[in-house]
Amino acid sequence: MSGPLPLAGLRVLEFSHTIMGPCAGLLLADMGADVVKVEPAPDGDRTRRLPGFAAGFFATFNRNKRSIALDLKHPEGRATLHRLVADADIVLENYGPGTMERLGCGWEDLHRLNPRLIYLALKGYLGGPYGNRPALDEVVQFQSGLAYMTGPPGQPLRAGASVIDILGAVFGVTGVLAALRERERTGEGQRVGSALFESAAFLMGSHIAGGAAMGEPPPPMPARRGAWGIYDVFQASCGTQLFIGVTSDAQWERFCAAFGLEELAGDPRLATNAQRVRERAWLLPALQAAVGALEFGAATQRCAAAEVSWSPVGRPGDLLQDPHLTASGGLLSTAIAALGGGPEVPLPALPLEFGEARSRAPLRRQPPRIGEHTREVLLAAGLPGERIAALQQAGVLADAAAPARLQQA
């Protein structure tokens, strides 16, 4: 992007681990805020060491940030952090209920130090009977009914990504932006809360409304009565699968013409979408026969000619070579070693574009090493170099003693 990013000039302190908190920090950082990740000294964010499918969490959600490492259980560590809070615009945290308060870094503690501070608390639940319960993305997927709606009947299944962590982060940042706007008017900061359970409940709103409209609970998605007659997965002759959606009567006419289905186009039982929904039991096998007689490329060419929605059934790794993402700046070459450095992999950019040029938020910093910017941040806050060295010697802070690794977009 040419010129400053939208949130340039905002100072953020992030206390976070896993996904929801780091994702909220990522949103702010990608849009230009100076996000300083405050990690526990000496070992840093435990997300750096997660195994299995979680091994990529740190790299995905911590680009464009600086890192300092402080022992907040030590009085000197808290005093150092409080010094940084005085000039911060936003603090965000997703620690367990009561953790920040025990560390002397809760909303009331920090608000006294900086009345203009906006404090984003990302929790399992908002205020209420569940307020002090811990929660996880997967827990609330089951609790809210999302897992019930995702799996086949009798087989509840979590979604294939941490959708609630990410949605909770997006709602949290939305609240922060609203609080910043209000601060312009009042001069005062405030606490903003976002949570997993309420974010998952929000996703269920259309199912609740649909059940009320139909007079019966909606079945899980694999057993649903669809709103459209043709909205399903088909298989080409080579065995490759593709999803095809035909969502209007005009699309149906074009689809039939493209696939040579004149007999179906003239069938009075299929004249409207509502009628096609009722005839799905025999209509979908007939369409499968037509699609299945073609190679994948030929089938997709006909879908494109008909101007209907279609897609191959992809896998996450396919995105690395996706021509749309690679041409539009939608992938950022990111170091994936959670302790710093290592190989770089194209990871999705923030799904936003700005201005007439449709610019994407760039990669300005690789995910930081533990405490990589401790000295840099504390010197800028006015802490003398000898004091920083003494705190490091005492184990109150960790300093990677390396310059920031910058990558210009």
Protein backbone atom coordinates (compact mmCIF):
# COMPACT_ATOMS: atom_id res chain seq x y z
CA MET A 1 0.00 0.00 0.00
CA SER A 2 1.17 3.53 -0.70
CA GLY A 3 0.88 5.86 2.25
CA PRO A 4 0.21 4.93 5.87
CA LEU A 5 -1.97 1.98 6.77
CA PRO A 6 -5.42 2.75 8.26
CA LEU A 7 -4.48 2.10 11.91
CA ALA A 8 -0.96 3.55 11.79
CA GLY A 9 -0.13 5.40 15.02
CA LEU A 10 -2.16 3.16 17.34
CA ARG A 11 -0.17 1.40 20.05
CA VAL A 12 -1.36 -2.03 21.15
CA LEU A 13 -0.18 -4.36 23.91
CA GLU A 14 -1.23 -7.96 23.30
CA PHE A 15 -1.38 -10.64 26.02
CA SER A 16 -2.43 -13.75 24.19
CA HIS A 17 -1.98 -17.35 23.19
CA THR A 18 -3.42 -19.88 20.73
CA ILE A 19 -5.84 -18.20 18.25
CA MET A 20 -8.52 -15.75 19.41
CA GLY A 21 -6.20 -13.20 21.03
CA PRO A 22 -3.41 -13.51 18.46
CA CYS A 23 -5.95 -13.21 15.64
CA ALA A 24 -7.35 -9.98 17.11
CA GLY A 25 -3.80 -8.64 17.35
CA LEU A 26 -3.12 -9.74 13.78
CA LEU A 27 -6.12 -7.80 12.48
CA LEU A 28 -4.90 -4.64 14.19
CA ALA A 29 -1.27 -5.20 13.17
CA ASP A 30 -2.04 -5.92 9.52
CA MET A 31 -4.04 -2.69 9.36
CA GLY A 32 -1.04 -0.73 10.64
CA ALA A 33 -1.17 -0.63 14.45
CA ASP A 34 2.07 -1.13 16.34
CA VAL A 35 1.21 -4.37 18.14
CA VAL A 36 3.65 -5.44 20.85
CA LYS A 37 3.12 -9.03 21.91
CA VAL A 38 3.87 -9.34 25.63
CA GLU A 39 5.12 -12.88 26.21
CA PRO A 40 5.96 -14.53 29.53
CA ALA A 41 9.72 -14.64 30.17
CA PRO A 42 11.73 -16.70 29.57
CA ASP A 43 9.82 -19.30 27.52
CA GLY A 44 7.39 -17.09 25.60
CA ASP A 45 3.94 -17.89 24.26
CA ARG A 46 3.29 -21.61 24.70
CA THR A 47 1.60 -21.61 21.28
CA ARG A 48 5.13 -21.62 19.84
CA ARG A 49 5.53 -25.22 21.00
CA LEU A 50 2.17 -26.78 20.12
CA PRO A 51 2.38 -30.03 18.13
CA GLY A 52 0.19 -31.60 15.46
CA PHE A 53 -2.40 -29.56 13.58
CA ALA A 54 -1.70 -26.62 15.92
CA ALA A 55 1.97 -26.35 14.87
CA GLY A 56 1.10 -23.57 12.41
CA PHE A 57 -0.93 -21.41 14.81
CA PHE A 58 1.91 -19.11 15.84
CA ALA A 59 3.12 -18.32 12.33
CA THR A 60 -0.40 -17.75 11.04
CA PHE A 61 -1.54 -15.26 13.66
CA ASN A 62 1.59 -13.36 14.73
CA ARG A 63 3.05 -11.60 11.70
CA ASN A 64 3.54 -7.82 11.72
CA LYS A 65 4.04 -7.77 15.51
CA ARG A 66 6.93 -7.02 17.84
CA SER A 67 7.68 -9.22 20.85
CA ILE A 68 8.81 -8.43 24.35
CA ALA A 69 9.19 -11.01 27.10
CA LEU A 70 8.45 -10.05 30.72
CA ASP A 71 7.91 -11.96 33.94
CA LEU A 72 4.72 -10.30 35.14
CA LYS A 73 4.74 -12.33 38.34
CA HIS A 74 7.76 -10.30 39.41
CA PRO A 75 7.06 -6.77 40.75
CA GLU A 76 9.71 -5.30 38.45
CA GLY A 77 8.09 -7.00 35.48
CA ARG A 78 4.70 -5.51 36.33
CA ALA A 79 6.25 -2.09 36.88
CA THR A 80 7.92 -2.27 33.48
CA LEU A 81 4.66 -3.25 31.82
CA HIS A 82 2.76 -0.47 33.59
CA ARG A 83 5.26 1.97 32.12
CA LEU A 84 4.30 0.81 28.63
CA VAL A 85 0.57 0.98 29.38
CA ALA A 86 0.79 4.71 30.03
CA ASP A 87 1.29 5.36 26.30
CA ALA A 88 -0.83 2.52 24.90
CA ASP A 89 -4.11 2.94 23.06
CA ILE A 90 -5.31 -0.66 23.32
CA VAL A 91 -4.63 -3.69 25.50
CA LEU A 92 -6.04 -7.01 24.37
CA GLU A 93 -5.93 -10.33 26.19
CA ASN A 94 -7.43 -13.79 25.96
CA TYR A 95 -6.09 -15.36 29.15
CA GLY A 96 -8.33 -17.43 31.41
CA PRO A 97 -10.82 -15.66 33.70
CA GLY A 98 -9.02 -13.80 36.51
CA THR A 99 -5.49 -14.28 35.16
CA MET A 100 -4.86 -10.65 34.19
CA GLU A 101 -6.28 -9.47 37.49
CA ARG A 102 -3.91 -11.74 39.42
CA LEU A 103 -1.01 -10.30 37.41
CA GLY A 104 -2.03 -6.74 38.30
CA CYS A 105 -2.93 -6.08 34.65
CA GLY A 106 -6.73 -6.27 34.69
CA TRP A 107 -9.03 -3.56 33.37
CA GLU A 108 -9.31 -1.65 36.64
CA ASP A 109 -5.54 -1.74 37.25
CA LEU A 110 -4.67 -0.46 33.78
CA HIS A 111 -7.54 2.03 33.49
CA ARG A 112 -6.21 3.83 36.57
CA LEU A 113 -2.85 4.18 34.82
CA ASN A 114 -4.33 5.31 31.50
CA PRO A 115 -7.94 6.53 31.43
CA ARG A 116 -7.87 6.66 27.60
CA LEU A 117 -7.00 2.98 27.34
CA ILE A 118 -9.31 0.60 25.48
CA TYR A 119 -9.16 -2.87 26.99
CA LEU A 120 -10.31 -5.83 24.90
CA ALA A 121 -11.07 -8.96 26.95
CA LEU A 122 -11.52 -12.05 24.78
CA LYS A 123 -13.06 -14.84 26.83
CA GLY A 124 -15.01 -18.05 26.62
CA TYR A 125 -18.24 -16.34 27.73
CA LEU A 126 -19.50 -12.82 28.21
CA GLY A 127 -20.93 -11.76 31.59
CA GLY A 128 -23.51 -14.11 33.06
CA PRO A 129 -23.75 -17.47 34.83
CA TYR A 130 -21.01 -18.95 32.62
CA GLY A 131 -18.76 -15.91 32.95
CA ASN A 132 -15.97 -17.60 34.91
CA ARG A 133 -15.97 -20.86 32.98
CA PRO A 134 -13.06 -21.65 30.68
CA ALA A 135 -13.95 -22.58 27.12
CA LEU A 136 -12.41 -23.59 23.81
CA ASP A 137 -13.47 -23.16 20.20
CA GLU A 138 -14.46 -26.81 19.92
CA VAL A 139 -16.33 -26.77 23.25
CA VAL A 140 -18.65 -23.96 22.17
CA GLN A 141 -19.14 -25.49 18.72
CA PHE A 142 -20.77 -28.41 20.53
CA GLN A 143 -22.51 -26.25 23.12
CA SER A 144 -24.09 -23.87 20.62
CA GLY A 145 -25.40 -26.47 18.16
CA LEU A 146 -22.83 -25.72 15.45
CA ALA A 147 -21.35 -29.23 15.69
CA TYR A 148 -24.87 -30.70 15.56
CA MET A 149 -25.62 -28.75 12.39
CA THR A 150 -22.28 -29.65 10.76
CA GLY A 151 -22.21 -33.44 11.08
CA PRO A 152 -24.62 -36.07 9.76
CA PRO A 153 -27.59 -36.90 12.00
CA GLY A 154 -26.33 -38.47 15.22
CA GLN A 155 -22.71 -37.59 14.44
CA PRO A 156 -21.99 -34.03 15.63
CA LEU A 157 -18.78 -32.72 14.07
CA ARG A 158 -16.68 -29.64 14.67
CA ALA A 159 -16.04 -27.37 11.70
CA GLY A 160 -12.79 -27.96 9.83
CA ALA A 161 -11.21 -24.69 11.03
CA SER A 162 -11.19 -22.65 14.25
CA VAL A 163 -14.07 -20.54 13.01
CA ILE A 164 -15.28 -19.42 16.45
CA ASP A 165 -11.86 -18.28 17.66
CA ILE A 166 -11.52 -16.20 14.51
CA LEU A 167 -15.09 -14.86 14.61
CA GLY A 168 -14.66 -13.90 18.28
CA ALA A 169 -11.50 -11.99 17.32
CA VAL A 170 -13.31 -10.19 14.49
CA PHE A 171 -16.18 -9.18 16.80
CA GLY A 172 -13.64 -8.04 19.40
CA VAL A 173 -11.80 -5.81 16.95
CA THR A 174 -15.14 -4.44 15.74
CA GLY A 175 -15.87 -3.44 19.33
CA VAL A 176 -12.42 -1.87 19.68
CA LEU A 177 -12.94 0.25 16.58
CA ALA A 178 -16.29 1.41 17.96
CA ALA A 179 -14.64 2.26 21.30
CA LEU A 180 -11.93 4.24 19.51
CA ARG A 181 -14.63 6.25 17.76
CA GLU A 182 -16.37 6.92 21.06
CA ARG A 183 -13.06 7.93 22.65
CA GLU A 184 -12.78 10.67 20.03
CA ARG A 185 -16.01 12.08 21.44
CA THR A 186 -15.54 11.52 25.18
CA GLY A 187 -11.77 11.30 25.68
CA GLU A 188 -12.31 8.15 27.76
CA GLY A 189 -11.38 4.56 27.08
CA GLN A 190 -13.50 1.57 28.04
CA ARG A 191 -13.52 -2.19 28.44
CA VAL A 192 -14.77 -4.19 25.44
CA GLY A 193 -15.69 -7.86 25.71
CA SER A 194 -16.00 -10.55 23.06
CA ALA A 195 -16.43 -14.27 23.65
CA LEU A 196 -16.49 -17.67 22.01
CA PHE A 197 -19.91 -18.86 23.15
CA GLU A 198 -21.81 -15.75 22.14
CA SER A 199 -20.01 -15.71 18.77
CA ALA A 200 -21.08 -19.31 18.16
CA ALA A 201 -24.62 -18.48 19.27
CA PHE A 202 -24.71 -15.63 16.75
CA LEU A 203 -23.96 -18.11 13.95
CA MET A 204 -26.97 -20.16 14.99
CA GLY A 205 -29.39 -17.25 14.59
CA SER A 206 -30.50 -18.19 11.06
CA HIS A 207 -31.14 -21.80 12.12
CA ILE A 208 -33.26 -20.63 15.07
CA ALA A 209 -35.22 -18.29 12.80
CA GLY A 210 -35.57 -20.97 10.15
CA GLY A 211 -36.93 -23.43 12.70
CA ALA A 212 -39.49 -20.89 13.84
CA ALA A 213 -40.52 -20.19 10.26
CA MET A 214 -40.86 -23.89 9.38
CA GLY A 215 -42.48 -24.87 12.68
CA GLU A 216 -39.87 -27.58 13.31
CA PRO A 217 -36.18 -27.71 14.25
CA PRO A 218 -33.84 -27.63 11.24
CA PRO A 219 -32.00 -30.92 10.59
CA PRO A 220 -28.19 -31.05 10.37
CA MET A 221 -26.80 -29.63 7.15
CA PRO A 222 -26.04 -33.03 5.54
CA ALA A 223 -29.74 -33.93 5.94
CA ARG A 224 -31.19 -30.50 5.25
CA ARG A 225 -34.01 -29.62 2.96
CA GLY A 226 -32.13 -27.23 0.74
CA ALA A 227 -33.34 -23.84 -0.41
CA TRP A 228 -32.16 -24.56 -3.96
CA GLY A 229 -32.81 -27.50 -6.23
CA ILE A 230 -29.28 -27.85 -7.56
CA TYR A 231 -26.79 -27.13 -4.80
CA ASP A 232 -24.61 -30.19 -4.44
CA VAL A 233 -21.38 -32.08 -5.19
CA PHE A 234 -21.07 -33.87 -8.53
CA GLN A 235 -18.36 -36.09 -9.97
CA ALA A 236 -16.78 -35.79 -13.41
CA SER A 237 -15.85 -38.85 -15.47
CA CYS A 238 -12.26 -38.73 -14.19
CA GLY A 239 -13.49 -39.00 -10.59
CA THR A 240 -12.75 -35.36 -9.70
CA GLN A 241 -15.49 -33.73 -7.68
CA LEU A 242 -16.99 -30.28 -8.13
CA PHE A 243 -19.71 -28.33 -6.35
CA ILE A 244 -22.40 -26.73 -8.52
CA GLY A 245 -25.00 -24.24 -7.34
CA VAL A 246 -27.96 -23.22 -9.54
CA THR A 247 -29.90 -20.67 -7.50
CA SER A 248 -32.37 -19.00 -9.90
CA ASP A 249 -34.72 -19.92 -12.72
CA ALA A 250 -32.60 -17.96 -15.21
CA GLN A 251 -29.51 -19.91 -14.12
CA TRP A 252 -31.45 -23.16 -14.56
CA GLU A 253 -32.26 -22.27 -18.16
CA ARG A 254 -28.62 -21.43 -18.90
CA PHE A 255 -27.39 -24.58 -17.12
CA CYS A 256 -29.68 -26.83 -19.14
CA ALA A 257 -28.61 -25.15 -22.38
CA ALA A 258 -24.90 -25.50 -21.58
CA PHE A 259 -25.19 -29.19 -20.68
CA GLY A 260 -27.62 -30.11 -23.48
CA LEU A 261 -30.48 -30.88 -21.12
CA GLU A 262 -33.32 -29.59 -23.32
CA GLU A 263 -35.71 -32.28 -22.07
CA LEU A 264 -35.22 -31.20 -18.45
CA ALA A 265 -35.45 -27.54 -19.40
CA GLY A 266 -38.93 -28.16 -20.83
CA ASP A 267 -40.16 -30.39 -18.00
CA PRO A 268 -43.06 -28.58 -16.25
CA ARG A 269 -42.15 -30.29 -12.97
CA LEU A 270 -38.90 -28.29 -12.94
CA ALA A 271 -40.14 -24.87 -14.00
CA THR A 272 -39.35 -23.09 -10.70
CA ASN A 273 -36.72 -23.48 -8.02
CA ALA A 274 -39.33 -24.57 -5.48
CA GLN A 275 -40.43 -27.32 -7.83
CA ARG A 276 -36.84 -28.42 -8.43
CA VAL A 277 -36.35 -28.68 -4.69
CA ARG A 278 -39.30 -31.09 -4.49
CA GLU A 279 -37.92 -33.19 -7.35
CA ARG A 280 -34.36 -33.52 -6.06
CA ALA A 281 -34.69 -37.27 -5.44
CA TRP A 282 -34.66 -38.04 -9.17
CA LEU A 283 -33.31 -34.75 -10.54
CA LEU A 284 -29.86 -34.92 -8.89
CA PRO A 285 -29.08 -38.44 -10.22
CA ALA A 286 -30.09 -37.27 -13.70
CA LEU A 287 -27.76 -34.28 -13.43
CA GLN A 288 -24.98 -36.51 -12.09
CA ALA A 289 -25.29 -38.64 -15.21
CA ALA A 290 -24.88 -35.56 -17.39
CA VAL A 291 -21.91 -34.17 -15.44
CA GLY A 292 -20.36 -37.62 -15.04
CA ALA A 293 -20.21 -38.08 -18.81
CA LEU A 294 -17.71 -35.21 -19.05
CA GLU A 295 -14.09 -34.73 -18.05
CA PHE A 296 -13.58 -32.25 -15.23
CA GLY A 297 -12.31 -29.46 -17.50
CA ALA A 298 -15.25 -29.81 -19.88
CA ALA A 299 -17.74 -29.80 -17.02
CA THR A 300 -16.25 -26.63 -15.52
CA GLN A 301 -16.19 -24.91 -18.91
CA ARG A 302 -19.91 -25.53 -19.27
CA CYS A 303 -20.58 -24.24 -15.75
CA ALA A 304 -18.64 -21.09 -16.60
CA ALA A 305 -20.54 -20.69 -19.88
CA ALA A 306 -23.83 -21.01 -17.96
CA GLU A 307 -22.65 -18.37 -15.45
CA VAL A 308 -23.56 -20.53 -12.46
CA SER A 309 -21.54 -20.87 -9.28
CA TRP A 310 -19.16 -23.81 -9.22
CA SER A 311 -15.95 -24.88 -7.54
CA PRO A 312 -13.60 -27.83 -7.40
CA VAL A 313 -13.58 -29.64 -4.06
CA GLY A 314 -10.26 -28.25 -2.88
CA ARG A 315 -7.86 -28.87 -0.03
CA PRO A 316 -6.01 -26.23 2.02
CA GLY A 317 -2.73 -26.82 0.22
CA ASP A 318 -4.37 -26.04 -3.11
CA LEU A 319 -4.53 -22.38 -2.08
CA LEU A 320 -0.74 -22.09 -2.41
CA GLN A 321 -1.10 -22.24 -6.20
CA ASP A 322 -4.49 -20.58 -6.47
CA PRO A 323 -4.23 -18.22 -9.47
CA HIS A 324 -6.61 -15.65 -7.98
CA LEU A 325 -4.76 -15.42 -4.66
CA THR A 326 -1.32 -15.34 -6.25
CA ALA A 327 -2.31 -12.61 -8.72
CA SER A 328 -4.06 -10.35 -6.21
CA GLY A 329 -1.55 -10.24 -3.34
CA GLY A 330 -3.65 -12.65 -1.32
CA LEU A 331 -0.69 -14.70 -0.06
CA LEU A 332 2.16 -13.47 2.15
CA SER A 333 5.45 -15.39 2.34
CA THR A 334 5.66 -16.09 6.06
CA ALA A 335 8.33 -17.76 8.20
CA ILE A 336 6.65 -20.71 9.88
CA ALA A 337 9.28 -21.72 12.46
CA ALA A 338 7.60 -20.69 15.72
CA LEU A 339 10.93 -19.88 17.39
CA GLY A 340 11.97 -17.56 14.55
CA GLY A 341 13.46 -17.92 11.09
CA GLY A 342 13.13 -21.12 9.12
CA PRO A 343 11.34 -21.77 5.83
CA GLU A 344 8.73 -19.40 4.47
CA VAL A 345 5.29 -20.49 3.27
CA PRO A 346 2.62 -18.41 1.47
CA LEU A 347 -0.16 -17.78 4.01
CA PRO A 348 -3.44 -15.93 3.39
CA ALA A 349 -3.41 -12.17 3.76
CA LEU A 350 -6.10 -10.26 5.60
CA PRO A 351 -9.29 -10.61 3.50
CA LEU A 352 -9.64 -6.85 2.98
CA GLU A 353 -8.70 -4.39 0.27
CA PHE A 354 -8.35 -0.62 0.58
CA GLY A 355 -8.82 2.30 -1.77
CA GLU A 356 -9.36 2.56 -5.50
CA ALA A 357 -6.17 0.56 -6.03
CA ARG A 358 -7.70 -2.29 -3.97
CA SER A 359 -4.47 -2.60 -1.99
CA ARG A 360 -4.00 -5.49 0.40
CA ALA A 361 -2.40 -5.17 3.85
CA PRO A 362 1.27 -6.12 3.42
CA LEU A 363 3.71 -8.24 5.38
CA ARG A 364 5.97 -5.79 7.21
CA ARG A 365 7.44 -8.06 9.89
CA GLN A 366 7.84 -11.80 10.11
CA PRO A 367 6.45 -13.48 13.26
CA PRO A 368 8.89 -12.45 16.01
CA ARG A 369 11.26 -14.51 18.08
CA ILE A 370 10.71 -14.58 21.85
CA GLY A 371 11.57 -11.14 23.19
CA GLU A 372 13.06 -10.06 19.87
CA HIS A 373 12.09 -6.44 20.43
CA THR A 374 12.33 -6.20 24.23
CA ARG A 375 15.27 -3.84 24.28
CA GLU A 376 13.97 -1.78 21.36
CA VAL A 377 10.55 -1.26 22.95
CA LEU A 378 11.85 -0.50 26.44
CA LEU A 379 14.48 1.95 25.22
CA ALA A 380 11.76 3.79 23.30
CA ALA A 381 9.70 3.90 26.51
CA GLY A 382 12.57 5.68 28.27
CA LEU A 383 14.04 2.79 30.28
CA PRO A 384 17.85 3.19 30.50
CA GLY A 385 19.96 0.55 28.82
CA GLU A 386 21.72 -0.40 32.04
CA ARG A 387 18.36 -0.92 33.74
CA ILE A 388 17.25 -3.18 30.90
CA ALA A 389 20.46 -5.18 31.26
CA ALA A 390 19.92 -5.52 35.01
CA LEU A 391 16.35 -6.76 34.54
CA GLN A 392 17.55 -9.25 31.97
CA GLN A 393 20.26 -10.47 34.35
CA ALA A 394 17.60 -10.92 37.05
CA GLY A 395 15.40 -12.96 34.69
CA VAL A 396 12.61 -10.38 34.74
CA LEU A 397 12.79 -9.97 30.98
CA ALA A 398 14.15 -11.83 27.99
CA ASP A 399 15.85 -10.14 25.07
CA ALA A 400 16.64 -12.00 21.86
CA ALA A 401 19.38 -9.41 21.26
CA ALA A 402 18.74 -9.31 17.53
CA PRO A 403 17.50 -6.56 15.22
CA ALA A 404 13.96 -6.70 13.95
CA ARG A 405 13.59 -8.80 10.81
CA LEU A 406 11.81 -6.64 8.32
CA GLN A 407 10.33 -7.63 5.01
CA GLN A 408 9.15 -4.84 2.79
CA ALA A 409 5.97 -5.48 0.86
